[in-house]
N, C-alpha and C. Protein backbone atom coordinates (compact mmCIF):
# COMPACT_ATOMS: atom_id res chain seq x y z
N MET A 1 -119.59 54.72 43.21
CA MET A 1 -118.33 54.02 43.45
C MET A 1 -118.61 52.55 43.73
N SER A 2 -117.66 51.71 43.35
CA SER A 2 -117.83 50.28 43.62
C SER A 2 -117.69 50.03 45.12
N SER A 3 -118.40 49.02 45.59
CA SER A 3 -118.35 48.73 47.02
C SER A 3 -117.43 47.56 47.34
N HIS A 4 -116.94 46.85 46.32
CA HIS A 4 -116.06 45.70 46.56
C HIS A 4 -115.01 45.63 45.46
N LYS A 5 -113.95 44.82 45.73
CA LYS A 5 -112.92 44.55 44.73
C LYS A 5 -112.65 43.04 44.72
N THR A 6 -112.21 42.56 43.56
CA THR A 6 -111.86 41.14 43.48
C THR A 6 -110.59 40.87 44.28
N GLU A 7 -110.43 39.62 44.70
CA GLU A 7 -109.32 39.27 45.58
C GLU A 7 -107.96 39.34 44.88
N ASN A 8 -107.86 38.79 43.69
CA ASN A 8 -106.54 38.67 43.06
C ASN A 8 -106.10 39.92 42.32
N TYR A 9 -106.92 40.45 41.45
CA TYR A 9 -106.52 41.59 40.63
C TYR A 9 -107.02 42.92 41.18
N ARG A 10 -107.79 42.88 42.25
CA ARG A 10 -108.33 44.09 42.88
C ARG A 10 -109.16 44.91 41.89
N LEU A 11 -109.96 44.20 41.07
CA LEU A 11 -110.85 44.86 40.12
C LEU A 11 -112.11 45.32 40.85
N HIS A 12 -112.65 46.41 40.39
CA HIS A 12 -113.87 46.95 41.00
C HIS A 12 -115.06 46.05 40.71
N ILE A 13 -115.92 45.87 41.72
CA ILE A 13 -117.18 45.13 41.59
C ILE A 13 -118.28 46.06 42.10
N TRP A 14 -119.36 46.14 41.35
CA TRP A 14 -120.45 47.03 41.72
C TRP A 14 -121.67 46.25 42.18
N GLU A 15 -122.30 46.74 43.20
CA GLU A 15 -123.59 46.24 43.67
C GLU A 15 -124.67 47.04 42.95
N PRO A 16 -125.92 46.55 42.93
CA PRO A 16 -126.97 47.28 42.21
C PRO A 16 -127.13 48.73 42.65
N GLU A 17 -126.89 49.03 43.91
CA GLU A 17 -127.07 50.41 44.40
C GLU A 17 -125.83 51.29 44.19
N ASP A 18 -124.72 50.74 43.70
CA ASP A 18 -123.49 51.51 43.49
C ASP A 18 -123.58 52.39 42.25
N ASN A 19 -122.96 53.54 42.31
CA ASN A 19 -122.81 54.40 41.13
C ASN A 19 -121.55 53.96 40.38
N PHE A 20 -121.57 54.17 39.05
CA PHE A 20 -120.42 53.81 38.22
C PHE A 20 -119.54 55.03 38.01
N LEU A 21 -118.23 54.84 38.17
CA LEU A 21 -117.28 55.90 37.87
C LEU A 21 -116.38 55.45 36.72
N ARG A 22 -116.19 56.32 35.76
CA ARG A 22 -115.35 56.00 34.61
C ARG A 22 -113.94 55.61 35.06
N GLU A 23 -113.41 56.27 36.08
CA GLU A 23 -112.07 55.97 36.57
C GLU A 23 -111.95 54.53 37.05
N GLU A 24 -113.03 54.00 37.63
CA GLU A 24 -112.99 52.61 38.10
C GLU A 24 -112.95 51.64 36.93
N PHE A 25 -113.72 51.92 35.87
CA PHE A 25 -113.66 51.08 34.67
C PHE A 25 -112.26 51.13 34.07
N ASN A 26 -111.70 52.34 33.93
CA ASN A 26 -110.36 52.48 33.38
C ASN A 26 -109.33 51.75 34.25
N GLY A 27 -109.48 51.85 35.57
CA GLY A 27 -108.58 51.13 36.47
C GLY A 27 -108.65 49.63 36.27
N ASN A 28 -109.87 49.11 36.06
CA ASN A 28 -110.02 47.67 35.79
C ASN A 28 -109.29 47.28 34.51
N PHE A 29 -109.48 48.08 33.45
CA PHE A 29 -108.83 47.77 32.17
C PHE A 29 -107.31 47.83 32.29
N GLU A 30 -106.79 48.82 33.01
CA GLU A 30 -105.34 48.93 33.19
C GLU A 30 -104.78 47.74 33.97
N ALA A 31 -105.49 47.30 35.01
CA ALA A 31 -105.03 46.15 35.79
C ALA A 31 -105.03 44.88 34.94
N LEU A 32 -106.05 44.69 34.12
CA LEU A 32 -106.09 43.52 33.24
C LEU A 32 -104.99 43.57 32.19
N ASP A 33 -104.74 44.75 31.65
CA ASP A 33 -103.71 44.89 30.63
C ASP A 33 -102.32 44.60 31.20
N ALA A 34 -102.10 44.90 32.47
CA ALA A 34 -100.80 44.67 33.10
C ALA A 34 -100.64 43.24 33.63
N SER A 35 -101.70 42.46 33.59
CA SER A 35 -101.64 41.11 34.14
C SER A 35 -100.87 40.16 33.21
N VAL A 36 -100.61 38.97 33.69
CA VAL A 36 -99.87 37.98 32.90
C VAL A 36 -100.64 37.66 31.63
N ARG A 37 -99.92 37.67 30.52
CA ARG A 37 -100.52 37.37 29.22
C ARG A 37 -99.77 36.22 28.58
N MET A 38 -100.35 35.68 27.55
CA MET A 38 -99.67 34.62 26.83
C MET A 38 -99.88 34.80 25.34
N VAL A 39 -98.96 34.19 24.61
CA VAL A 39 -99.07 34.15 23.16
C VAL A 39 -98.76 32.71 22.75
N THR A 40 -99.47 32.24 21.74
CA THR A 40 -99.23 30.90 21.22
C THR A 40 -98.74 31.03 19.79
N GLY A 41 -98.06 30.01 19.34
CA GLY A 41 -97.58 30.04 17.97
C GLY A 41 -96.96 28.72 17.57
N ALA A 42 -96.47 28.69 16.37
CA ALA A 42 -95.82 27.49 15.83
C ALA A 42 -94.73 27.93 14.86
N TYR A 43 -93.75 27.07 14.68
CA TYR A 43 -92.72 27.30 13.67
C TYR A 43 -92.27 25.96 13.12
N ALA A 44 -91.79 25.99 11.89
CA ALA A 44 -91.23 24.80 11.26
C ALA A 44 -89.73 24.79 11.51
N GLY A 45 -89.22 23.67 11.97
CA GLY A 45 -87.78 23.55 12.18
C GLY A 45 -87.04 23.74 10.87
N ASP A 46 -85.84 24.35 10.97
CA ASP A 46 -85.04 24.54 9.75
C ASP A 46 -83.70 23.82 9.82
N GLY A 47 -83.45 23.09 10.93
CA GLY A 47 -82.24 22.30 11.04
C GLY A 47 -81.00 23.06 11.47
N GLU A 48 -81.09 24.38 11.63
CA GLU A 48 -79.92 25.17 12.05
C GLU A 48 -79.52 24.82 13.48
N ALA A 49 -78.24 24.96 13.78
CA ALA A 49 -77.72 24.64 15.11
C ALA A 49 -78.34 25.52 16.19
N GLN A 50 -78.58 26.79 15.89
CA GLN A 50 -79.26 27.70 16.81
C GLN A 50 -80.16 28.63 16.03
N ARG A 51 -81.25 29.00 16.67
CA ARG A 51 -82.23 29.88 16.03
C ARG A 51 -83.01 30.58 17.13
N VAL A 52 -83.28 31.87 16.96
CA VAL A 52 -84.10 32.62 17.91
C VAL A 52 -85.49 32.79 17.31
N ILE A 53 -86.49 32.44 18.09
CA ILE A 53 -87.88 32.69 17.72
C ILE A 53 -88.25 34.03 18.34
N HIS A 54 -88.44 35.05 17.51
CA HIS A 54 -88.70 36.41 17.98
C HIS A 54 -90.18 36.59 18.30
N LEU A 55 -90.45 37.11 19.50
CA LEU A 55 -91.81 37.33 19.95
C LEU A 55 -92.14 38.80 20.17
N GLY A 56 -91.13 39.67 20.21
CA GLY A 56 -91.35 41.08 20.45
C GLY A 56 -91.32 41.49 21.91
N LEU A 57 -91.47 40.53 22.82
CA LEU A 57 -91.36 40.75 24.26
C LEU A 57 -90.57 39.60 24.85
N THR A 58 -89.93 39.84 25.98
CA THR A 58 -89.18 38.77 26.65
C THR A 58 -90.14 38.01 27.55
N PRO A 59 -90.35 36.71 27.30
CA PRO A 59 -91.32 35.95 28.08
C PRO A 59 -90.83 35.60 29.48
N LEU A 60 -91.79 35.33 30.37
CA LEU A 60 -91.51 34.83 31.71
C LEU A 60 -91.37 33.32 31.71
N ALA A 61 -91.99 32.66 30.73
CA ALA A 61 -91.91 31.20 30.60
C ALA A 61 -92.29 30.83 29.18
N VAL A 62 -91.68 29.75 28.68
CA VAL A 62 -92.00 29.21 27.35
C VAL A 62 -92.12 27.71 27.49
N LEU A 63 -93.23 27.17 27.00
CA LEU A 63 -93.42 25.72 26.91
C LEU A 63 -93.42 25.36 25.44
N LEU A 64 -92.53 24.44 25.06
CA LEU A 64 -92.36 24.04 23.67
C LEU A 64 -92.53 22.54 23.52
N VAL A 65 -93.33 22.13 22.54
CA VAL A 65 -93.50 20.71 22.21
C VAL A 65 -93.57 20.58 20.69
N THR A 66 -93.36 19.37 20.19
CA THR A 66 -93.58 19.14 18.76
C THR A 66 -95.07 19.12 18.50
N GLN A 67 -95.46 19.20 17.23
CA GLN A 67 -96.88 19.24 16.90
C GLN A 67 -97.63 18.01 17.40
N ASP A 68 -96.93 16.90 17.63
CA ASP A 68 -97.60 15.72 18.19
C ASP A 68 -97.36 15.58 19.69
N GLY A 69 -96.91 16.65 20.33
CA GLY A 69 -96.84 16.70 21.79
C GLY A 69 -95.60 16.12 22.42
N VAL A 70 -94.56 15.81 21.64
CA VAL A 70 -93.35 15.17 22.18
C VAL A 70 -92.44 16.23 22.81
N ILE A 71 -91.92 15.92 24.00
CA ILE A 71 -90.89 16.74 24.63
C ILE A 71 -89.59 15.95 24.68
N ARG A 72 -89.66 14.69 25.06
CA ARG A 72 -88.46 13.84 25.11
C ARG A 72 -88.88 12.44 24.69
N SER A 73 -88.08 11.80 23.85
CA SER A 73 -88.42 10.45 23.42
C SER A 73 -87.15 9.66 23.14
N GLY A 74 -87.33 8.44 22.68
CA GLY A 74 -86.21 7.55 22.39
C GLY A 74 -86.10 6.47 23.45
N SER A 75 -85.47 5.39 23.11
CA SER A 75 -85.40 4.25 24.04
C SER A 75 -84.65 4.62 25.31
N ASN A 76 -83.70 5.53 25.23
CA ASN A 76 -82.97 5.94 26.43
C ASN A 76 -83.26 7.41 26.78
N THR A 77 -84.36 7.95 26.26
CA THR A 77 -84.79 9.34 26.45
C THR A 77 -83.66 10.35 26.21
N SER A 78 -82.84 10.12 25.19
CA SER A 78 -81.75 11.04 24.92
C SER A 78 -82.11 12.08 23.86
N TYR A 79 -83.31 12.04 23.33
CA TYR A 79 -83.74 13.00 22.32
C TYR A 79 -84.64 14.04 22.97
N THR A 80 -84.24 15.30 22.94
CA THR A 80 -85.02 16.37 23.56
C THR A 80 -85.63 17.23 22.46
N TYR A 81 -86.96 17.27 22.42
CA TYR A 81 -87.71 18.00 21.41
C TYR A 81 -88.37 19.27 21.95
N GLY A 82 -88.25 19.56 23.24
CA GLY A 82 -88.90 20.73 23.81
C GLY A 82 -88.73 20.75 25.31
N GLY A 83 -89.61 21.47 25.99
CA GLY A 83 -89.58 21.55 27.44
C GLY A 83 -90.08 22.89 27.92
N LEU A 84 -89.95 23.11 29.23
CA LEU A 84 -90.36 24.35 29.86
C LEU A 84 -89.11 25.16 30.21
N ALA A 85 -89.03 26.37 29.66
CA ALA A 85 -87.91 27.27 29.93
C ALA A 85 -88.39 28.45 30.75
N LEU A 86 -87.58 28.85 31.73
CA LEU A 86 -87.82 30.02 32.57
C LEU A 86 -86.59 30.93 32.44
N PRO A 87 -86.69 32.20 32.85
CA PRO A 87 -85.51 33.06 32.76
C PRO A 87 -84.33 32.47 33.54
N GLN A 88 -83.20 32.40 32.93
CA GLN A 88 -81.96 31.81 33.47
C GLN A 88 -82.12 30.34 33.86
N ARG A 89 -83.16 29.69 33.39
CA ARG A 89 -83.39 28.26 33.65
C ARG A 89 -83.91 27.60 32.38
N PRO A 90 -83.02 27.35 31.43
CA PRO A 90 -83.47 26.75 30.17
C PRO A 90 -83.93 25.31 30.35
N ALA A 91 -84.78 24.87 29.44
CA ALA A 91 -85.09 23.44 29.36
C ALA A 91 -83.82 22.76 28.88
N ARG A 92 -83.42 21.68 29.54
CA ARG A 92 -82.12 21.06 29.26
C ARG A 92 -82.25 19.61 28.84
N THR A 93 -81.20 19.14 28.18
CA THR A 93 -81.09 17.73 27.81
C THR A 93 -80.59 16.95 29.04
N PRO A 94 -80.62 15.61 28.99
CA PRO A 94 -80.09 14.83 30.11
C PRO A 94 -78.62 15.12 30.42
N ASP A 95 -77.84 15.55 29.41
CA ASP A 95 -76.43 15.90 29.69
C ASP A 95 -76.25 17.40 29.91
N ASN A 96 -77.35 18.09 30.29
CA ASN A 96 -77.32 19.47 30.78
C ASN A 96 -77.04 20.53 29.71
N LYS A 97 -77.36 20.26 28.46
CA LYS A 97 -77.22 21.27 27.41
C LYS A 97 -78.57 21.97 27.22
N PRO A 98 -78.58 23.30 26.99
CA PRO A 98 -79.86 24.00 26.81
C PRO A 98 -80.55 23.59 25.52
N ALA A 99 -81.82 23.23 25.64
CA ALA A 99 -82.63 22.86 24.48
C ALA A 99 -83.60 23.97 24.09
N VAL A 100 -84.13 24.68 25.09
CA VAL A 100 -85.00 25.83 24.90
C VAL A 100 -84.56 26.86 25.92
N GLU A 101 -84.24 28.07 25.45
CA GLU A 101 -83.68 29.08 26.35
C GLU A 101 -84.32 30.43 26.07
N ILE A 102 -84.79 31.11 27.13
CA ILE A 102 -85.37 32.44 26.99
C ILE A 102 -84.25 33.45 26.74
N VAL A 103 -84.45 34.28 25.72
CA VAL A 103 -83.52 35.36 25.41
C VAL A 103 -84.35 36.64 25.26
N GLU A 104 -83.68 37.77 25.15
CA GLU A 104 -84.40 39.03 25.00
C GLU A 104 -85.30 38.99 23.76
N ASN A 105 -86.55 39.29 23.95
CA ASN A 105 -87.57 39.35 22.90
C ASN A 105 -87.95 38.01 22.28
N GLY A 106 -87.64 36.89 22.94
CA GLY A 106 -88.05 35.61 22.39
C GLY A 106 -87.40 34.44 23.10
N PHE A 107 -87.15 33.36 22.33
CA PHE A 107 -86.49 32.19 22.89
C PHE A 107 -85.62 31.53 21.84
N ARG A 108 -84.57 30.83 22.31
CA ARG A 108 -83.60 30.18 21.43
C ARG A 108 -83.83 28.68 21.43
N VAL A 109 -83.76 28.10 20.24
CA VAL A 109 -83.87 26.65 20.06
C VAL A 109 -82.69 26.20 19.21
N GLY A 110 -82.57 24.91 19.02
CA GLY A 110 -81.45 24.44 18.22
C GLY A 110 -81.63 23.02 17.72
N SER A 111 -80.64 22.59 16.95
CA SER A 111 -80.60 21.24 16.40
C SER A 111 -79.14 20.79 16.44
N ARG A 112 -78.83 19.90 17.39
CA ARG A 112 -77.45 19.42 17.55
C ARG A 112 -77.44 17.91 17.66
N LEU A 113 -76.43 17.32 17.11
CA LEU A 113 -76.32 15.86 17.13
C LEU A 113 -75.12 15.41 17.94
N GLN A 114 -74.81 16.10 19.04
CA GLN A 114 -73.69 15.72 19.90
C GLN A 114 -74.25 15.26 21.24
N GLY A 115 -73.70 14.18 21.79
CA GLY A 115 -74.18 13.69 23.08
C GLY A 115 -75.65 13.39 23.00
N ASN A 116 -76.42 13.92 23.92
CA ASN A 116 -77.87 13.80 23.85
C ASN A 116 -78.38 14.76 22.80
N TYR A 117 -79.22 14.26 21.93
CA TYR A 117 -79.68 15.03 20.78
C TYR A 117 -80.62 16.15 21.19
N ILE A 118 -80.39 17.35 20.65
CA ILE A 118 -81.29 18.48 20.82
C ILE A 118 -82.01 18.67 19.49
N TRP A 119 -83.30 18.45 19.50
CA TRP A 119 -84.08 18.59 18.28
C TRP A 119 -85.23 19.56 18.50
N THR A 120 -84.92 20.77 18.94
CA THR A 120 -85.95 21.79 19.09
C THR A 120 -86.02 22.70 17.87
N ASN A 121 -85.24 22.33 16.83
CA ASN A 121 -85.28 23.04 15.55
C ASN A 121 -84.99 22.07 14.41
N TRP A 122 -85.30 20.83 14.64
CA TRP A 122 -85.06 19.77 13.65
C TRP A 122 -85.87 20.07 12.41
N GLY A 123 -85.28 19.94 11.25
CA GLY A 123 -85.91 20.31 9.99
C GLY A 123 -87.13 19.51 9.61
N ALA A 124 -87.36 18.37 10.24
CA ALA A 124 -88.51 17.53 9.87
C ALA A 124 -89.70 17.71 10.79
N ASP A 125 -89.66 18.66 11.72
CA ASP A 125 -90.74 18.82 12.69
C ASP A 125 -91.32 20.23 12.67
N THR A 126 -92.57 20.31 13.12
CA THR A 126 -93.22 21.58 13.42
C THR A 126 -93.38 21.63 14.93
N TYR A 127 -93.13 22.79 15.52
CA TYR A 127 -93.14 22.96 16.97
C TYR A 127 -94.22 23.94 17.37
N HIS A 128 -94.88 23.66 18.48
CA HIS A 128 -95.90 24.54 19.04
C HIS A 128 -95.38 25.09 20.36
N TYR A 129 -95.71 26.35 20.64
CA TYR A 129 -95.25 26.95 21.90
C TYR A 129 -96.34 27.82 22.52
N ILE A 130 -96.20 27.96 23.84
CA ILE A 130 -96.98 28.93 24.61
C ILE A 130 -95.94 29.76 25.35
N ALA A 131 -96.00 31.07 25.19
CA ALA A 131 -95.10 31.97 25.91
C ALA A 131 -95.94 32.86 26.82
N PHE A 132 -95.54 32.92 28.08
CA PHE A 132 -96.25 33.73 29.07
C PHE A 132 -95.43 34.99 29.38
N TYR A 133 -96.13 36.12 29.51
CA TYR A 133 -95.49 37.40 29.79
C TYR A 133 -95.91 37.90 31.15
């Protein structure tokens, strides 16, 4: 049996004199599998007013930027190209419109030209994201 466990995930740690138990290895694998995971990806904007990027799981957080790393730009910072979205807390434009929003099994983006511009699906850009589960 292991004589110690890690602080955060409570994974088994063995000393040289410890015996190995299959159940402890399996427990370690199960704890790692249940831990926070992430997926990365990219998509090309298509210019539609709204679009859902399907991930297969509902994320805990999504960070979205353009391929050149832009989140907000323009002389008056009214152009929103991405941001950090959390459940029920979308990334928003300066006039409080959702630019990136977590939805079931993915996240919603858009391309709107009203008020402050939302360009998280602008047809001339490629977007990179990290989604955490």
